[in-house]
Amino acid sequence: MIQGGPLLIRDLMLQVETLKKKHKIEVIWVTSGAIGTARKRLGIQKKKKSSLSEKQALSAIGQPMVMDLYNLALQSCGLKGAQVLITYSDLANKNQLKNFQNTLETLLHWDVVPVLNENDAVATEEIRFGDNDSLSAKIAIALKADRLVILTDVDGVYDSDPSKNPSAKLISEIPKVTDQVLEMGGKSKSEYGTGGMLSKLLAAQEASHNQITTFLVKGDHASVLLKIAKNEKVGTLVRSKK
């Protein structure tokens, strides 16, 4: 999960193609960036505080723009994509959850890559409090995924803030997300989204409790998804509670 420019998205989708065709791995993609993309297109400064209705309008503008980037990248790889917009309530309601699961399973059966995002244009609470890290964990749980991969702009979780401590060391594996680990995550912020590393660790914790292994890795690291598929050490691995 990551927001990125056309070149980064195309590189990631090329990796998705290899995952599907060579490793027989099905991928469900969760993205972000609709509001930020719309701000950039309209020339609205990020520092300017936007009202809820303005954020929803920005999301409505940005969603198709983001999906256009994914469709172009997927088509260049010979793949097909589908946009699925959801809110947390869709996963909380039993009937809606079943419909969501059926839709995703049908898309995968048709060999289509689902590209998911929160439906911020109609939701309210998600814009104020939600983040796509938590959403990705809930989707992984709902679809009984084997792995959750969260892409960020840092190499993983460090034992201290690398921006302040040049000697900070990358933690390659976390057996369990404890309060101490969460404190370390709070000091390592991500450029993308609203949650930073802390929200990613909370998502990994939720996934771990549901027997899902999580990888926290740098999104533009060369062939990062393929390295994970080959069980190469990259980023931070958060073990599941199996």
C-alpha atoms as a PDB file:
ATOM      1  CA  MET A   1       0.000   0.000   0.000  1.00  0.00           C
ATOM      2  CA  ILE A   2       1.491   3.307  -1.024  1.00  0.00           C
ATOM      3  CA  GLN A   3       0.837   6.505  -2.860  1.00  0.00           C
ATOM      4  CA  GLY A   4       3.335   7.164  -5.615  1.00  0.00           C
ATOM      5  CA  GLY A   5       3.983   8.638  -9.028  1.00  0.00           C
ATOM      6  CA  PRO A   6       3.328   6.895 -12.337  1.00  0.00           C
ATOM      7  CA  LEU A   7       6.814   5.339 -12.584  1.00  0.00           C
ATOM      8  CA  LEU A   8       6.685   3.844  -9.087  1.00  0.00           C
ATOM      9  CA  ILE A   9       3.163   2.520  -9.610  1.00  0.00           C
ATOM     10  CA  ARG A  10       4.167   0.948 -12.926  1.00  0.00           C
ATOM     11  CA  ASP A  11       7.192  -0.717 -11.327  1.00  0.00           C
ATOM     12  CA  LEU A  12       5.017  -2.117  -8.539  1.00  0.00           C
ATOM     13  CA  MET A  13       2.428  -3.403 -10.998  1.00  0.00           C
ATOM     14  CA  LEU A  14       5.192  -5.105 -13.002  1.00  0.00           C
ATOM     15  CA  GLN A  15       6.082  -6.916  -9.779  1.00  0.00           C
ATOM     16  CA  VAL A  16       2.417  -7.815  -9.298  1.00  0.00           C
ATOM     17  CA  GLU A  17       2.441  -9.329 -12.788  1.00  0.00           C
ATOM     18  CA  THR A  18       5.427 -11.504 -11.854  1.00  0.00           C
ATOM     19  CA  LEU A  19       3.822 -12.495  -8.565  1.00  0.00           C
ATOM     20  CA  LYS A  20       0.695 -13.632 -10.377  1.00  0.00           C
ATOM     21  CA  LYS A  21       2.281 -15.363 -13.365  1.00  0.00           C
ATOM     22  CA  LYS A  22       5.480 -16.812 -11.899  1.00  0.00           C
ATOM     23  CA  HIS A  23       4.672 -17.323  -8.224  1.00  0.00           C
ATOM     24  CA  LYS A  24       0.890 -17.905  -8.554  1.00  0.00           C
ATOM     25  CA  ILE A  25       0.223 -15.289  -5.858  1.00  0.00           C
ATOM     26  CA  GLU A  26      -3.083 -13.402  -5.878  1.00  0.00           C
ATOM     27  CA  VAL A  27      -2.775  -9.724  -4.981  1.00  0.00           C
ATOM     28  CA  ILE A  28      -5.361  -7.381  -3.496  1.00  0.00           C
ATOM     29  CA  TRP A  29      -4.045  -3.820  -3.596  1.00  0.00           C
ATOM     30  CA  VAL A  30      -5.005  -1.087  -1.116  1.00  0.00           C
ATOM     31  CA  THR A  31      -4.031   2.413  -2.125  1.00  0.00           C
ATOM     32  CA  SER A  32      -4.313   5.978  -0.867  1.00  0.00           C
ATOM     33  CA  GLY A  33      -3.671   9.453  -2.196  1.00  0.00           C
ATOM     34  CA  ALA A  34      -7.021  10.563  -3.625  1.00  0.00           C
ATOM     35  CA  ILE A  35      -7.262  13.757  -1.580  1.00  0.00           C
ATOM     36  CA  GLY A  36      -3.569  14.569  -2.007  1.00  0.00           C
ATOM     37  CA  THR A  37      -3.746  14.006  -5.764  1.00  0.00           C
ATOM     38  CA  ALA A  38      -6.755  16.307  -6.070  1.00  0.00           C
ATOM     39  CA  ARG A  39      -5.054  19.005  -3.982  1.00  0.00           C
ATOM     40  CA  LYS A  40      -2.092  18.924  -6.335  1.00  0.00           C
ATOM     41  CA  ARG A  41      -4.281  19.070  -9.448  1.00  0.00           C
ATOM     42  CA  LEU A  42      -6.291  22.019  -8.089  1.00  0.00           C
ATOM     43  CA  GLY A  43      -3.244  23.799  -6.685  1.00  0.00           C
ATOM     44  CA  ILE A  44      -4.550  23.751  -3.113  1.00  0.00           C
ATOM     45  CA  GLN A  45      -1.796  23.977  -0.527  1.00  0.00           C
ATOM     46  CA  LYS A  46      -1.701  21.156   2.004  1.00  0.00           C
ATOM     47  CA  LYS A  47      -1.251  23.653   4.844  1.00  0.00           C
ATOM     48  CA  LYS A  48      -4.667  25.101   4.114  1.00  0.00           C
ATOM     49  CA  LYS A  49      -7.204  23.559   6.486  1.00  0.00           C
ATOM     50  CA  SER A  50     -10.081  22.002   4.563  1.00  0.00           C
ATOM     51  CA  SER A  51     -13.616  21.442   5.792  1.00  0.00           C
ATOM     52  CA  LEU A  52     -15.141  17.975   5.766  1.00  0.00           C
ATOM     53  CA  SER A  53     -17.201  18.744   2.662  1.00  0.00           C
ATOM     54  CA  GLU A  54     -14.082  20.031   0.900  1.00  0.00           C
ATOM     55  CA  LYS A  55     -12.180  16.831   1.769  1.00  0.00           C
ATOM     56  CA  GLN A  56     -15.050  14.746   0.436  1.00  0.00           C
ATOM     57  CA  ALA A  57     -15.139  16.793  -2.755  1.00  0.00           C
ATOM     58  CA  LEU A  58     -11.371  16.447  -3.129  1.00  0.00           C
ATOM     59  CA  SER A  59     -11.709  12.697  -2.708  1.00  0.00           C
ATOM     60  CA  ALA A  60     -14.373  12.557  -5.432  1.00  0.00           C
ATOM     61  CA  ILE A  61     -11.984  14.383  -7.774  1.00  0.00           C
ATOM     62  CA  GLY A  62      -8.921  12.375  -6.818  1.00  0.00           C
ATOM     63  CA  GLN A  63     -10.302   8.828  -6.815  1.00  0.00           C
ATOM     64  CA  PRO A  64     -10.628   8.458 -10.608  1.00  0.00           C
ATOM     65  CA  MET A  65      -7.268  10.176 -11.101  1.00  0.00           C
ATOM     66  CA  VAL A  66      -5.526   7.655  -8.862  1.00  0.00           C
ATOM     67  CA  MET A  67      -7.337   4.745 -10.526  1.00  0.00           C
ATOM     68  CA  ASP A  68      -6.291   6.045 -13.951  1.00  0.00           C
ATOM     69  CA  LEU A  69      -2.648   5.682 -12.867  1.00  0.00           C
ATOM     70  CA  TYR A  70      -3.237   2.082 -11.787  1.00  0.00           C
ATOM     71  CA  ASN A  71      -5.197   1.177 -14.916  1.00  0.00           C
ATOM     72  CA  LEU A  72      -2.477   2.553 -17.191  1.00  0.00           C
ATOM     73  CA  ALA A  73       0.198   0.672 -15.246  1.00  0.00           C
ATOM     74  CA  LEU A  74      -1.780  -2.570 -15.173  1.00  0.00           C
ATOM     75  CA  GLN A  75      -2.671  -2.390 -18.860  1.00  0.00           C
ATOM     76  CA  SER A  76       0.995  -1.870 -19.767  1.00  0.00           C
ATOM     77  CA  CYS A  77       1.712  -5.160 -17.940  1.00  0.00           C
ATOM     78  CA  GLY A  78      -1.112  -7.027 -19.661  1.00  0.00           C
ATOM     79  CA  LEU A  79      -3.258  -7.005 -16.516  1.00  0.00           C
ATOM     80  CA  LYS A  80      -6.745  -5.729 -15.729  1.00  0.00           C
ATOM     81  CA  GLY A  81      -7.755  -3.670 -12.715  1.00  0.00           C
ATOM     82  CA  ALA A  82     -10.980  -2.920 -10.844  1.00  0.00           C
ATOM     83  CA  GLN A  83     -11.677  -0.139  -8.360  1.00  0.00           C
ATOM     84  CA  VAL A  84     -13.468  -1.055  -5.134  1.00  0.00           C
ATOM     85  CA  LEU A  85     -14.400   1.752  -2.723  1.00  0.00           C
ATOM     86  CA  ILE A  86     -15.446   0.757   0.780  1.00  0.00           C
ATOM     87  CA  THR A  87     -15.903   2.104   4.295  1.00  0.00           C
ATOM     88  CA  TYR A  88     -15.312   0.398   7.621  1.00  0.00           C
ATOM     89  CA  SER A  89     -19.070  -0.088   7.981  1.00  0.00           C
ATOM     90  CA  ASP A  90     -18.984  -2.311   4.885  1.00  0.00           C
ATOM     91  CA  LEU A  91     -16.708  -4.676   6.779  1.00  0.00           C
ATOM     92  CA  ALA A  92     -18.651  -4.424  10.038  1.00  0.00           C
ATOM     93  CA  ASN A  93     -22.035  -5.381   8.572  1.00  0.00           C
ATOM     94  CA  LYS A  94     -22.348  -9.151   8.095  1.00  0.00           C
ATOM     95  CA  ASN A  95     -24.323  -8.996   4.836  1.00  0.00           C
ATOM     96  CA  GLN A  96     -22.184  -6.236   3.355  1.00  0.00           C
ATOM     97  CA  LEU A  97     -19.042  -8.116   4.340  1.00  0.00           C
ATOM     98  CA  LYS A  98     -20.262 -11.252   2.561  1.00  0.00           C
ATOM     99  CA  ASN A  99     -21.050  -9.251  -0.566  1.00  0.00           C
ATOM    100  CA  PHE A 100     -17.606  -7.668  -0.390  1.00  0.00           C
ATOM    101  CA  GLN A 101     -15.936 -11.073  -0.076  1.00  0.00           C
ATOM    102  CA  ASN A 102     -17.940 -12.446  -3.007  1.00  0.00           C
ATOM    103  CA  THR A 103     -17.023  -9.462  -5.179  1.00  0.00           C
ATOM    104  CA  LEU A 104     -13.311  -9.757  -4.430  1.00  0.00           C
ATOM    105  CA  GLU A 105     -13.308 -13.511  -4.988  1.00  0.00           C
ATOM    106  CA  THR A 106     -15.067 -13.049  -8.349  1.00  0.00           C
ATOM    107  CA  LEU A 107     -12.547 -10.415  -9.444  1.00  0.00           C
ATOM    108  CA  LEU A 108      -9.648 -12.702  -8.523  1.00  0.00           C
ATOM    109  CA  HIS A 109     -11.340 -15.594 -10.349  1.00  0.00           C
ATOM    110  CA  TRP A 110     -11.552 -13.369 -13.422  1.00  0.00           C
ATOM    111  CA  ASP A 111      -7.819 -12.622 -13.059  1.00  0.00           C
ATOM    112  CA  VAL A 112      -8.502  -8.955 -12.271  1.00  0.00           C
ATOM    113  CA  VAL A 113      -6.395  -7.010  -9.750  1.00  0.00           C
ATOM    114  CA  PRO A 114      -8.687  -5.310  -7.190  1.00  0.00           C
ATOM    115  CA  VAL A 115      -7.507  -1.808  -6.252  1.00  0.00           C
ATOM    116  CA  LEU A 116      -9.191  -0.735  -3.020  1.00  0.00           C
ATOM    117  CA  ASN A 117      -9.533   2.564  -1.221  1.00  0.00           C
ATOM    118  CA  GLU A 118     -11.752   4.076   1.417  1.00  0.00           C
ATOM    119  CA  ASN A 119     -14.870   5.746   0.033  1.00  0.00           C
ATOM    120  CA  ASP A 120     -13.978   9.108   1.545  1.00  0.00           C
ATOM    121  CA  ALA A 121     -16.386  10.953  -0.727  1.00  0.00           C
ATOM    122  CA  VAL A 122     -19.340   9.663   1.304  1.00  0.00           C
ATOM    123  CA  ALA A 123     -17.716   8.564   4.577  1.00  0.00           C
ATOM    124  CA  THR A 124     -17.054  10.978   7.407  1.00  0.00           C
ATOM    125  CA  GLU A 125     -15.376   9.179  10.289  1.00  0.00           C
ATOM    126  CA  GLU A 126     -12.747   7.584   8.032  1.00  0.00           C
ATOM    127  CA  ILE A 127     -11.485  10.974   6.863  1.00  0.00           C
ATOM    128  CA  ARG A 128     -11.133  12.230  10.402  1.00  0.00           C
ATOM    129  CA  PHE A 129      -9.807   9.134  12.144  1.00  0.00           C
ATOM    130  CA  GLY A 130      -9.234   6.340   9.655  1.00  0.00           C
ATOM    131  CA  ASP A 131      -6.089   5.328   7.836  1.00  0.00           C
ATOM    132  CA  ASN A 132      -5.439   2.884   5.032  1.00  0.00           C
ATOM    133  CA  ASP A 133      -3.022   0.849   7.130  1.00  0.00           C
ATOM    134  CA  SER A 134      -5.854  -0.231   9.395  1.00  0.00           C
ATOM    135  CA  LEU A 135      -8.080  -0.731   6.352  1.00  0.00           C
ATOM    136  CA  SER A 136      -5.509  -2.995   4.700  1.00  0.00           C
ATOM    137  CA  ALA A 137      -5.299  -5.148   7.834  1.00  0.00           C
ATOM    138  CA  LYS A 138      -9.084  -5.484   8.021  1.00  0.00           C
ATOM    139  CA  ILE A 139      -9.246  -6.424   4.338  1.00  0.00           C
ATOM    140  CA  ALA A 140      -6.477  -9.003   4.782  1.00  0.00           C
ATOM    141  CA  ILE A 141      -8.443 -10.507   7.671  1.00  0.00           C
ATOM    142  CA  ALA A 142     -11.740 -10.460   5.758  1.00  0.00           C
ATOM    143  CA  LEU A 143     -10.187 -12.208   2.760  1.00  0.00           C
ATOM    144  CA  LYS A 144      -8.085 -14.599   4.888  1.00  0.00           C
ATOM    145  CA  ALA A 145      -4.846 -13.444   3.302  1.00  0.00           C
ATOM    146  CA  ASP A 146      -1.573 -15.237   3.969  1.00  0.00           C
ATOM    147  CA  ARG A 147       0.490 -12.053   4.067  1.00  0.00           C
ATOM    148  CA  LEU A 148       0.005  -8.344   4.527  1.00  0.00           C
ATOM    149  CA  VAL A 149       2.614  -6.114   2.891  1.00  0.00           C
ATOM    150  CA  ILE A 150       2.607  -2.446   3.894  1.00  0.00           C
ATOM    151  CA  LEU A 151       4.734  -0.178   1.728  1.00  0.00           C
ATOM    152  CA  THR A 152       6.110   2.982   3.268  1.00  0.00           C
ATOM    153  CA  ASP A 153       8.857   5.544   2.638  1.00  0.00           C
ATOM    154  CA  VAL A 154      11.310   4.146   5.196  1.00  0.00           C
ATOM    155  CA  ASP A 155      13.133   0.816   5.280  1.00  0.00           C
ATOM    156  CA  GLY A 156      11.114  -0.534   8.184  1.00  0.00           C
ATOM    157  CA  VAL A 157      10.989  -0.184  11.963  1.00  0.00           C
ATOM    158  CA  TYR A 158      14.081   1.198  13.705  1.00  0.00           C
ATOM    159  CA  ASP A 159      15.111   0.888  17.341  1.00  0.00           C
ATOM    160  CA  SER A 160      15.156   4.705  17.510  1.00  0.00           C
ATOM    161  CA  ASP A 161      14.319   7.651  15.280  1.00  0.00           C
ATOM    162  CA  PRO A 162      16.758   7.444  12.315  1.00  0.00           C
ATOM    163  CA  SER A 163      16.226  11.124  11.493  1.00  0.00           C
ATOM    164  CA  LYS A 164      17.668  12.046  14.897  1.00  0.00           C
ATOM    165  CA  ASN A 165      19.966   9.121  15.591  1.00  0.00           C
ATOM    166  CA  PRO A 166      22.426   8.209  12.789  1.00  0.00           C
ATOM    167  CA  SER A 167      23.205   4.982  14.672  1.00  0.00           C
ATOM    168  CA  ALA A 168      19.585   3.787  14.647  1.00  0.00           C
ATOM    169  CA  LYS A 169      19.345   0.142  13.621  1.00  0.00           C
ATOM    170  CA  LEU A 170      16.706  -1.482  11.467  1.00  0.00           C
ATOM    171  CA  ILE A 171      14.747  -4.211  13.253  1.00  0.00           C
ATOM    172  CA  SER A 172      14.534  -7.101  10.798  1.00  0.00           C
ATOM    173  CA  GLU A 173      11.991  -9.154  12.748  1.00  0.00           C
ATOM    174  CA  ILE A 174       9.383  -8.480  15.433  1.00  0.00           C
ATOM    175  CA  PRO A 175       7.991 -11.624  17.092  1.00  0.00           C
ATOM    176  CA  LYS A 176       5.221  -9.647  18.804  1.00  0.00           C
ATOM    177  CA  VAL A 177       4.006  -6.042  18.641  1.00  0.00           C
ATOM    178  CA  THR A 178       4.269  -4.926  22.259  1.00  0.00           C
ATOM    179  CA  ASP A 179       3.753  -1.495  23.822  1.00  0.00           C
ATOM    180  CA  GLN A 180       7.511  -1.002  23.654  1.00  0.00           C
ATOM    181  CA  VAL A 181       7.492  -1.714  19.924  1.00  0.00           C
ATOM    182  CA  LEU A 182       4.601   0.704  19.407  1.00  0.00           C
ATOM    183  CA  GLU A 183       6.602   3.418  21.174  1.00  0.00           C
ATOM    184  CA  MET A 184       9.422   2.928  18.674  1.00  0.00           C
ATOM    185  CA  GLY A 185       6.947   3.119  15.807  1.00  0.00           C
ATOM    186  CA  GLY A 186       5.627   6.418  17.087  1.00  0.00           C
ATOM    187  CA  LYS A 187       9.027   7.946  16.555  1.00  0.00           C
ATOM    188  CA  SER A 188       9.345   6.835  12.934  1.00  0.00           C
ATOM    189  CA  LYS A 189       6.982   8.793  10.752  1.00  0.00           C
ATOM    190  CA  SER A 190       6.016   8.083   7.173  1.00  0.00           C
ATOM    191  CA  GLU A 191       5.632  10.764   4.537  1.00  0.00           C
ATOM    192  CA  TYR A 192       2.511   9.143   3.125  1.00  0.00           C
ATOM    193  CA  GLY A 193      -0.923   9.069   4.698  1.00  0.00           C
ATOM    194  CA  THR A 194      -1.975  10.233   8.134  1.00  0.00           C
ATOM    195  CA  GLY A 195      -0.758   7.484  10.408  1.00  0.00           C
ATOM    196  CA  GLY A 196       3.015   7.161  10.015  1.00  0.00           C
ATOM    197  CA  MET A 197       4.836   4.068  11.267  1.00  0.00           C
ATOM    198  CA  LEU A 198       2.699   3.803  14.391  1.00  0.00           C
ATOM    199  CA  SER A 199      -0.457   3.105  12.377  1.00  0.00           C
ATOM    200  CA  LYS A 200       1.449   0.508  10.360  1.00  0.00           C
ATOM    201  CA  LEU A 201       2.544  -1.300  13.509  1.00  0.00           C
ATOM    202  CA  LEU A 202      -1.022  -1.222  14.835  1.00  0.00           C
ATOM    203  CA  ALA A 203      -2.178  -2.736  11.536  1.00  0.00           C
ATOM    204  CA  ALA A 204       0.528  -5.399  11.806  1.00  0.00           C
ATOM    205  CA  GLN A 205      -0.578  -6.129  15.358  1.00  0.00           C
ATOM    206  CA  GLU A 206      -4.187  -6.595  14.248  1.00  0.00           C
ATOM    207  CA  ALA A 207      -3.108  -8.851  11.375  1.00  0.00           C
ATOM    208  CA  SER A 208      -0.849 -10.865  13.684  1.00  0.00           C
ATOM    209  CA  HIS A 209      -3.737 -11.565  16.039  1.00  0.00           C
ATOM    210  CA  ASN A 210      -5.523 -13.087  13.037  1.00  0.00           C
ATOM    211  CA  GLN A 211      -2.645 -15.360  11.981  1.00  0.00           C
ATOM    212  CA  ILE A 212      -1.382 -13.069   9.197  1.00  0.00           C
ATOM    213  CA  THR A 213       2.315 -12.283   8.768  1.00  0.00           C
ATOM    214  CA  THR A 214       3.084  -8.632   7.977  1.00  0.00           C
ATOM    215  CA  PHE A 215       5.980  -7.026   6.128  1.00  0.00           C
ATOM    216  CA  LEU A 216       6.792  -3.329   6.613  1.00  0.00           C
ATOM    217  CA  VAL A 217       9.049  -2.340   3.722  1.00  0.00           C
ATOM    218  CA  LYS A 218      10.198   0.620   1.646  1.00  0.00           C
ATOM    219  CA  GLY A 219       7.944   0.942  -1.377  1.00  0.00           C
ATOM    220  CA  ASP A 220      10.624   1.984  -3.855  1.00  0.00           C
ATOM    221  CA  HIS A 221      13.136  -0.633  -2.719  1.00  0.00           C
ATOM    222  CA  ALA A 222      14.203  -2.539  -5.833  1.00  0.00           C
ATOM    223  CA  SER A 223      11.947  -5.549  -6.514  1.00  0.00           C
ATOM    224  CA  VAL A 224      10.700  -5.453  -2.926  1.00  0.00           C
ATOM    225  CA  LEU A 225       7.558  -7.535  -3.556  1.00  0.00           C
ATOM    226  CA  LEU A 226       9.508 -10.199  -5.424  1.00  0.00           C
ATOM    227  CA  LYS A 227      12.082 -10.394  -2.648  1.00  0.00           C
ATOM    228  CA  ILE A 228       9.311 -11.016  -0.138  1.00  0.00           C
ATOM    229  CA  ALA A 229       7.900 -13.747  -2.380  1.00  0.00           C
ATOM    230  CA  LYS A 230      11.349 -15.379  -2.437  1.00  0.00           C
ATOM    231  CA  ASN A 231      11.606 -15.126   1.373  1.00  0.00           C
ATOM    232  CA  GLU A 232      14.560 -12.769   1.165  1.00  0.00           C
ATOM    233  CA  LYS A 233      15.195 -10.529   4.155  1.00  0.00           C
ATOM    234  CA  VAL A 234      13.878  -7.042   3.517  1.00  0.00           C
ATOM    235  CA  GLY A 235      12.365  -4.404   5.800  1.00  0.00           C
ATOM    236  CA  THR A 236      10.721  -5.533   9.022  1.00  0.00           C
ATOM    237  CA  LEU A 237       8.881  -8.832   9.377  1.00  0.00           C
ATOM    238  CA  VAL A 238       6.118  -8.977  11.997  1.00  0.00           C
ATOM    239  CA  ARG A 239       5.341 -12.562  12.918  1.00  0.00           C
ATOM    240  CA  SER A 240       1.796 -13.870  13.141  1.00  0.00           C
ATOM    241  CA  LYS A 241       0.462 -15.489  16.295  1.00  0.00           C
ATOM    242  CA  LYS A 242       0.333 -18.991  14.817  1.00  0.00           C
END
